[in-house]
Structures are given as structure tokens and as C-alpha cells.
PDB file of N, CA and C in Angstrom:
ATOM      1  N   MET A   1       0.836  -1.175   0.000  1.00  0.00           N
ATOM      2  CA  MET A   1       0.000   0.000   0.000  1.00  0.00           C
ATOM      3  C   MET A   1       0.884   1.242   0.000  1.00  0.00           C
ATOM      4  N   LYS A   2       0.568   2.188  -0.889  1.00  0.00           N
ATOM      5  CA  LYS A   2       1.339   3.412  -0.974  1.00  0.00           C
ATOM      6  C   LYS A   2       1.009   4.320   0.202  1.00  0.00           C
ATOM      7  N   LYS A   3       2.031   4.910   0.775  1.00  0.00           N
ATOM      8  CA  LYS A   3       1.834   5.796   1.915  1.00  0.00           C
ATOM      9  C   LYS A   3       1.366   7.153   1.422  1.00  0.00           C
ATOM     10  N   LYS A   4       0.413   7.739   2.133  1.00  0.00           N
ATOM     11  CA  LYS A   4      -0.146   9.023   1.753  1.00  0.00           C
ATOM     12  C   LYS A   4       0.650  10.154   2.392  1.00  0.00           C
ATOM     13  N   ASN A   5       1.021  11.148   1.579  1.00  0.00           N
ATOM     14  CA  ASN A   5       1.667  12.332   2.106  1.00  0.00           C
ATOM     15  C   ASN A   5       0.662  13.123   2.936  1.00  0.00           C
ATOM     16  N   VAL A   6       1.171  13.915   3.873  1.00  0.00           N
ATOM     17  CA  VAL A   6       0.337  14.718   4.757  1.00  0.00           C
ATOM     18  C   VAL A   6       0.519  16.183   4.360  1.00  0.00           C
ATOM     19  N   HIS A   7      -0.597  16.877   4.131  1.00  0.00           N
ATOM     20  CA  HIS A   7      -0.563  18.276   3.715  1.00  0.00           C
ATOM     21  C   HIS A   7      -1.121  19.161   4.816  1.00  0.00           C
ATOM     22  N   ILE A   8      -0.494  20.327   5.007  1.00  0.00           N
ATOM     23  CA  ILE A   8      -1.008  21.371   5.884  1.00  0.00           C
ATOM     24  C   ILE A   8      -1.601  22.416   4.953  1.00  0.00           C
ATOM     25  N   VAL A   9      -2.928  22.612   5.047  1.00  0.00           N
ATOM     26  CA  VAL A   9      -3.632  23.477   4.094  1.00  0.00           C
ATOM     27  C   VAL A   9      -4.486  24.501   4.833  1.00  0.00           C
ATOM     28  N   PRO A  10      -4.711  25.658   4.193  1.00  0.00           N
ATOM     29  CA  PRO A  10      -5.604  26.640   4.814  1.00  0.00           C
ATOM     30  C   PRO A  10      -7.034  26.121   4.825  1.00  0.00           C
ATOM     31  N   ALA A  11      -7.717  26.332   5.928  1.00  0.00           N
ATOM     32  CA  ALA A  11      -9.120  25.938   6.099  1.00  0.00           C
ATOM     33  C   ALA A  11      -9.729  26.972   7.043  1.00  0.00           C
ATOM     34  N   LYS A  12     -10.725  26.627   7.794  1.00  0.00           N
ATOM     35  CA  LYS A  12     -11.180  27.509   8.878  1.00  0.00           C
ATOM     36  C   LYS A  12     -10.169  27.324   9.990  1.00  0.00           C
ATOM     37  N   GLY A  13      -9.093  28.053   9.899  1.00  0.00           N
ATOM     38  CA  GLY A  13      -7.894  27.802  10.686  1.00  0.00           C
ATOM     39  C   GLY A  13      -6.911  27.145   9.734  1.00  0.00           C
ATOM     40  N   TRP A  14      -6.353  26.011  10.128  1.00  0.00           N
ATOM     41  CA  TRP A  14      -5.435  25.248   9.271  1.00  0.00           C
ATOM     42  C   TRP A  14      -5.805  23.778   9.337  1.00  0.00           C
ATOM     43  N   GLY A  15      -5.857  23.147   8.175  1.00  0.00           N
ATOM     44  CA  GLY A  15      -6.234  21.751   8.103  1.00  0.00           C
ATOM     45  C   GLY A  15      -5.042  20.838   7.914  1.00  0.00           C
ATOM     46  N   VAL A  16      -5.153  19.638   8.456  1.00  0.00           N
ATOM     47  CA  VAL A  16      -4.180  18.569   8.251  1.00  0.00           C
ATOM     48  C   VAL A  16      -4.906  17.536   7.394  1.00  0.00           C
ATOM     49  N   LYS A  17      -4.403  17.305   6.191  1.00  0.00           N
ATOM     50  CA  LYS A  17      -5.114  16.459   5.241  1.00  0.00           C
ATOM     51  C   LYS A  17      -4.163  15.437   4.633  1.00  0.00           C
ATOM     52  N   LYS A  18      -4.604  14.187   4.581  1.00  0.00           N
ATOM     53  CA  LYS A  18      -3.825  13.155   3.902  1.00  0.00           C
ATOM     54  C   LYS A  18      -4.101  13.246   2.409  1.00  0.00           C
ATOM     55  N   GLU A  19      -3.060  13.037   1.625  1.00  0.00           N
ATOM     56  CA  GLU A  19      -3.168  13.153   0.176  1.00  0.00           C
ATOM     57  C   GLU A  19      -4.252  12.234  -0.370  1.00  0.00           C
ATOM     58  N   GLY A  20      -5.106  12.783  -1.214  1.00  0.00           N
ATOM     59  CA  GLY A  20      -6.172  12.006  -1.826  1.00  0.00           C
ATOM     60  C   GLY A  20      -7.491  12.064  -1.079  1.00  0.00           C
ATOM     61  N   ASN A  21      -7.475  12.493   0.173  1.00  0.00           N
ATOM     62  CA  ASN A  21      -8.710  12.596   0.953  1.00  0.00           C
ATOM     63  C   ASN A  21      -9.435  13.902   0.616  1.00  0.00           C
ATOM     64  N   LYS A  22     -10.754  13.873   0.657  1.00  0.00           N
ATOM     65  CA  LYS A  22     -11.538  15.079   0.409  1.00  0.00           C
ATOM     66  C   LYS A  22     -11.652  15.939   1.657  1.00  0.00           C
ATOM     67  N   ARG A  23     -11.680  15.298   2.816  1.00  0.00           N
ATOM     68  CA  ARG A  23     -11.848  16.016   4.080  1.00  0.00           C
ATOM     69  C   ARG A  23     -10.532  16.124   4.829  1.00  0.00           C
ATOM     70  N   ASN A  24     -10.452  17.149   5.669  1.00  0.00           N
ATOM     71  CA  ASN A  24      -9.294  17.296   6.553  1.00  0.00           C
ATOM     72  C   ASN A  24      -9.364  16.251   7.651  1.00  0.00           C
ATOM     73  N   THR A  25      -8.209  15.722   8.030  1.00  0.00           N
ATOM     74  CA  THR A  25      -8.136  14.779   9.136  1.00  0.00           C
ATOM     75  C   THR A  25      -8.284  15.525  10.459  1.00  0.00           C
ATOM     76  N   PHE A  26      -7.648  16.689  10.562  1.00  0.00           N
ATOM     77  CA  PHE A  26      -7.726  17.556  11.737  1.00  0.00           C
ATOM     78  C   PHE A  26      -7.830  18.990  11.272  1.00  0.00           C
ATOM     79  N   ILE A  27      -8.397  19.838  12.122  1.00  0.00           N
ATOM     80  CA  ILE A  27      -8.379  21.287  11.897  1.00  0.00           C
ATOM     81  C   ILE A  27      -7.830  21.928  13.165  1.00  0.00           C
ATOM     82  N   ALA A  28      -6.815  22.785  12.988  1.00  0.00           N
ATOM     83  CA  ALA A  28      -6.174  23.471  14.111  1.00  0.00           C
ATOM     84  C   ALA A  28      -6.398  24.976  13.967  1.00  0.00           C
ATOM     85  N   LEU A  29      -6.297  25.695  15.073  1.00  0.00           N
ATOM     86  CA  LEU A  29      -6.482  27.145  15.042  1.00  0.00           C
ATOM     87  C   LEU A  29      -5.291  27.860  14.412  1.00  0.00           C
ATOM     88  N   THR A  30      -4.081  27.350  14.664  1.00  0.00           N
ATOM     89  CA  THR A  30      -2.885  28.003  14.137  1.00  0.00           C
ATOM     90  C   THR A  30      -2.123  27.063  13.210  1.00  0.00           C
ATOM     91  N   LYS A  31      -1.320  27.662  12.362  1.00  0.00           N
ATOM     92  CA  LYS A  31      -0.509  26.880  11.424  1.00  0.00           C
ATOM     93  C   LYS A  31       0.511  26.036  12.176  1.00  0.00           C
ATOM     94  N   SER A  32       1.099  26.580  13.232  1.00  0.00           N
ATOM     95  CA  SER A  32       2.108  25.825  13.984  1.00  0.00           C
ATOM     96  C   SER A  32       1.506  24.594  14.660  1.00  0.00           C
ATOM     97  N   GLN A  33       0.270  24.698  15.144  1.00  0.00           N
ATOM     98  CA  GLN A  33      -0.401  23.528  15.724  1.00  0.00           C
ATOM     99  C   GLN A  33      -0.650  22.471  14.659  1.00  0.00           C
ATOM    100  N   ALA A  34      -1.085  22.911  13.477  1.00  0.00           N
ATOM    101  CA  ALA A  34      -1.348  21.976  12.379  1.00  0.00           C
ATOM    102  C   ALA A  34      -0.061  21.286  11.935  1.00  0.00           C
ATOM    103  N   ILE A  35       1.045  22.027  11.891  1.00  0.00           N
ATOM    104  CA  ILE A  35       2.334  21.448  11.503  1.00  0.00           C
ATOM    105  C   ILE A  35       2.765  20.399  12.523  1.00  0.00           C
ATOM    106  N   GLU A  36       2.581  20.682  13.798  1.00  0.00           N
ATOM    107  CA  GLU A  36       2.947  19.736  14.858  1.00  0.00           C
ATOM    108  C   GLU A  36       2.153  18.431  14.718  1.00  0.00           C
ATOM    109  N   ILE A  37       0.852  18.544  14.496  1.00  0.00           N
ATOM    110  CA  ILE A  37       0.003  17.358  14.323  1.00  0.00           C
ATOM    111  C   ILE A  37       0.384  16.615  13.051  1.00  0.00           C
ATOM    112  N   GLY A  38       0.566  17.356  11.958  1.00  0.00           N
ATOM    113  CA  GLY A  38       0.934  16.744  10.683  1.00  0.00           C
ATOM    114  C   GLY A  38       2.280  16.046  10.740  1.00  0.00           C
ATOM    115  N   ARG A  39       3.224  16.632  11.460  1.00  0.00           N
ATOM    116  CA  ARG A  39       4.557  16.029  11.597  1.00  0.00           C
ATOM    117  C   ARG A  39       4.470  14.683  12.329  1.00  0.00           C
ATOM    118  N   LYS A  40       3.637  14.612  13.372  1.00  0.00           N
ATOM    119  CA  LYS A  40       3.471  13.349  14.105  1.00  0.00           C
ATOM    120  C   LYS A  40       2.879  12.274  13.200  1.00  0.00           C
ATOM    121  N   ILE A  41       1.890  12.641  12.402  1.00  0.00           N
ATOM    122  CA  ILE A  41       1.265  11.683  11.488  1.00  0.00           C
ATOM    123  C   ILE A  41       2.260  11.218  10.429  1.00  0.00           C
ATOM    124  N   ALA A  42       3.002  12.168   9.842  1.00  0.00           N
ATOM    125  CA  ALA A  42       3.971  11.828   8.795  1.00  0.00           C
ATOM    126  C   ALA A  42       5.091  10.935   9.334  1.00  0.00           C
ATOM    127  N   LYS A  43       5.556  11.190  10.559  1.00  0.00           N
ATOM    128  CA  LYS A  43       6.581  10.338  11.165  1.00  0.00           C
ATOM    129  C   LYS A  43       6.054   8.932  11.389  1.00  0.00           C
ATOM    130  N   LYS A  44       4.827   8.839  11.900  1.00  0.00           N
ATOM    131  CA  LYS A  44       4.227   7.533  12.186  1.00  0.00           C
ATOM    132  C   LYS A  44       4.067   6.723  10.899  1.00  0.00           C
ATOM    133  N   GLU A  45       3.640   7.378   9.828  1.00  0.00           N
ATOM    134  CA  GLU A  45       3.392   6.683   8.573  1.00  0.00           C
ATOM    135  C   GLU A  45       4.592   6.671   7.631  1.00  0.00           C
ATOM    136  N   LYS A  46       5.696   7.286   8.084  1.00  0.00           N
ATOM    137  CA  LYS A  46       6.924   7.368   7.287  1.00  0.00           C
ATOM    138  C   LYS A  46       6.637   7.920   5.892  1.00  0.00           C
ATOM    139  N   SER A  47       5.994   9.084   5.889  1.00  0.00           N
ATOM    140  CA  SER A  47       5.635   9.734   4.633  1.00  0.00           C
ATOM    141  C   SER A  47       6.201  11.152   4.621  1.00  0.00           C
ATOM    142  N   GLU A  48       5.718  11.975   3.707  1.00  0.00           N
ATOM    143  CA  GLU A  48       6.227  13.327   3.557  1.00  0.00           C
ATOM    144  C   GLU A  48       5.210  14.334   4.083  1.00  0.00           C
ATOM    145  N   LEU A  49       5.700  15.382   4.738  1.00  0.00           N
ATOM    146  CA  LEU A  49       4.873  16.479   5.226  1.00  0.00           C
ATOM    147  C   LEU A  49       5.046  17.638   4.260  1.00  0.00           C
ATOM    148  N   ILE A  50       3.936  18.127   3.706  1.00  0.00           N
ATOM    149  CA  ILE A  50       3.966  19.221   2.742  1.00  0.00           C
ATOM    150  C   ILE A  50       3.160  20.377   3.327  1.00  0.00           C
ATOM    151  N   ILE A  51       3.824  21.523   3.505  1.00  0.00           N
ATOM    152  CA  ILE A  51       3.211  22.684   4.156  1.00  0.00           C
ATOM    153  C   ILE A  51       2.894  23.740   3.098  1.00  0.00           C
ATOM    154  N   HIS A  52       1.634  24.177   3.075  1.00  0.00           N
ATOM    155  CA  HIS A  52       1.167  25.168   2.112  1.00  0.00           C
ATOM    156  C   HIS A  52       0.980  26.531   2.783  1.00  0.00           C
ATOM    157  N   ASN A  53       1.075  27.602   1.976  1.00  0.00           N
ATOM    158  CA  ASN A  53       0.754  28.954   2.434  1.00  0.00           C
ATOM    159  C   ASN A  53      -0.739  29.196   2.282  1.00  0.00           C
ATOM    160  N   ARG A  54      -1.204  30.362   2.693  1.00  0.00           N
ATOM    161  CA  ARG A  54      -2.616  30.723   2.552  1.00  0.00           C
ATOM    162  C   ARG A  54      -3.062  30.713   1.093  1.00  0.00           C
ATOM    163  N   ASP A  55      -2.147  31.051   0.162  1.00  0.00           N
ATOM    164  CA  ASP A  55      -2.513  31.085  -1.252  1.00  0.00           C
ATOM    165  C   ASP A  55      -2.463  29.704  -1.909  1.00  0.00           C
ATOM    166  N   GLY A  56      -2.101  28.666  -1.152  1.00  0.00           N
ATOM    167  CA  GLY A  56      -2.083  27.301  -1.668  1.00  0.00           C
ATOM    168  C   GLY A  56      -0.733  26.833  -2.168  1.00  0.00           C
ATOM    169  N   ARG A  57       0.231  27.737  -2.296  1.00  0.00           N
ATOM    170  CA  ARG A  57       1.572  27.353  -2.741  1.00  0.00           C
ATOM    171  C   ARG A  57       2.311  26.611  -1.640  1.00  0.00           C
ATOM    172  N   ILE A  58       3.197  25.716  -2.056  1.00  0.00           N
ATOM    173  CA  ILE A  58       3.993  24.948  -1.093  1.00  0.00           C
ATOM    174  C   ILE A  58       5.099  25.839  -0.542  1.00  0.00           C
ATOM    175  N   SER A  59       5.192  25.895   0.782  1.00  0.00           N
ATOM    176  CA  SER A  59       6.227  26.706   1.418  1.00  0.00           C
ATOM    177  C   SER A  59       7.367  25.864   1.968  1.00  0.00           C
ATOM    178  N   ASP A  60       7.080  24.594   2.318  1.00  0.00           N
ATOM    179  CA  ASP A  60       8.126  23.753   2.907  1.00  0.00           C
ATOM    180  C   ASP A  60       7.719  22.287   2.807  1.00  0.00           C
ATOM    181  N   LYS A  61       8.728  21.415   2.846  1.00  0.00           N
ATOM    182  CA  LYS A  61       8.494  19.968   2.836  1.00  0.00           C
ATOM    183  C   LYS A  61       9.452  19.314   3.822  1.00  0.00           C
ATOM    184  N   ASP A  62       8.983  18.268   4.469  1.00  0.00           N
ATOM    185  CA  ASP A  62       9.820  17.436   5.340  1.00  0.00           C
ATOM    186  C   ASP A  62       9.543  15.985   4.991  1.00  0.00           C
ATOM    187  N   SER A  63      10.602  15.191   4.861  1.00  0.00           N
ATOM    188  CA  SER A  63      10.435  13.787   4.523  1.00  0.00           C
ATOM    189  C   SER A  63      10.791  12.936   5.730  1.00  0.00           C
ATOM    190  N   PHE A  64       9.906  12.008   6.083  1.00  0.00           N
ATOM    191  CA  PHE A  64      10.116  11.140   7.230  1.00  0.00           C
ATOM    192  C   PHE A  64      10.186   9.678   6.842  1.00  0.00           C
ATOM    193  N   GLY A  65      10.224   9.409   5.567  1.00  0.00           N
ATOM    194  CA  GLY A  65      10.266   8.023   5.102  1.00  0.00           C
ATOM    195  C   GLY A  65      11.519   7.762   4.307  1.00  0.00           C
ATOM    196  N   ASN A  66      11.381   6.932   3.313  1.00  0.00           N
ATOM    197  CA  ASN A  66      12.482   6.618   2.427  1.00  0.00           C
ATOM    198  C   ASN A  66      12.633   7.756   1.428  1.00  0.00           C
ATOM    199  N   ASP A  67      13.538   8.676   1.687  1.00  0.00           N
ATOM    200  CA  ASP A  67      13.712   9.863   0.857  1.00  0.00           C
ATOM    201  C   ASP A  67      14.531   9.522  -0.388  1.00  0.00           C
ATOM    202  N   PRO A  68      13.952   9.670  -1.591  1.00  0.00           N
ATOM    203  CA  PRO A  68      14.699   9.360  -2.803  1.00  0.00           C
ATOM    204  C   PRO A  68      15.820  10.363  -3.075  1.00  0.00           C
ATOM    205  N   PHE A  69      15.776  11.535  -2.445  1.00  0.00           N
ATOM    206  CA  PHE A  69      16.805  12.550  -2.619  1.00  0.00           C
ATOM    207  C   PHE A  69      17.319  12.997  -1.253  1.00  0.00           C
ATOM    208  N   PRO A  70      18.113  12.160  -0.575  1.00  0.00           N
ATOM    209  CA  PRO A  70      18.594  12.523   0.764  1.00  0.00           C
ATOM    210  C   PRO A  70      19.551  13.717   0.705  1.00  0.00           C
ATOM    211  N   ALA A  71      19.678  14.405   1.829  1.00  0.00           N
ATOM    212  CA  ALA A  71      20.580  15.551   1.909  1.00  0.00           C
ATOM    213  C   ALA A  71      22.016  15.105   1.677  1.00  0.00           C
ATOM    214  N   ARG A  72      22.766  15.927   0.969  1.00  0.00           N
ATOM    215  CA  ARG A  72      24.159  15.575   0.675  1.00  0.00           C
ATOM    216  C   ARG A  72      25.095  15.974   1.793  1.00  0.00           C
ATOM    217  N   ASP A  73      24.787  17.055   2.485  1.00  0.00           N
ATOM    218  CA  ASP A  73      25.663  17.492   3.569  1.00  0.00           C
ATOM    219  C   ASP A  73      25.273  16.774   4.850  1.00  0.00           C
ATOM    220  N   LYS A  74      26.277  16.258   5.521  1.00  0.00           N
ATOM    221  CA  LYS A  74      26.050  15.521   6.755  1.00  0.00           C
ATOM    222  C   LYS A  74      26.789  16.229   7.887  1.00  0.00           C
ATOM    223  N   ILE A  75      26.115  16.344   9.001  1.00  0.00           N
ATOM    224  CA  ILE A  75      26.714  16.960  10.178  1.00  0.00           C
ATOM    225  C   ILE A  75      27.275  15.865  11.063  1.00  0.00           C
ATOM    226  N   PHE A  76      28.524  16.017  11.448  1.00  0.00           N
ATOM    227  CA  PHE A  76      29.177  15.013  12.282  1.00  0.00           C
ATOM    228  C   PHE A  76      29.345  15.503  13.678  1.00  0.00           C
TER     229      PHE A  76
END
């Protein structure tokens, strides 16, 4: 089964929505609360967290699964 990415989208407040779903999984009052909830879901499901701005554009992404493009710089 393909893992669904988690999106943070504007709603009445901010919505946490799994990719492909019509309804939000959660609705939070602030964007930071929605990101916190979405991050927990994405970590649990080892998927990607995609954060949108109010205009719908993607502002940030975090990958918690098998990242096909891992970071090249490593901190030791």
C-alpha cells in the first residue's frame, strides 16, 4: 500500500489532510499547531509532510520516510 503524504492546508484555521482525501483529518487554530500534528502523522506513517501557504503554494516539505533525494551534507 502506498503511503499518503500529509498536507497542511488553509481551512477555517489550518487543516491537516492526507493526500487524496476530500476532508481534513484535523483542523487546528494556528498553522504551527497543524504542523505539529501533521509532523506526528507523517513520522508515524513514514511519509512526507507538505506545508502550504494561505494562497495554496507549497512553502516547505519534510520527509520522514524513504527519501529518494537525501541531503548531501552531513553533520558530524
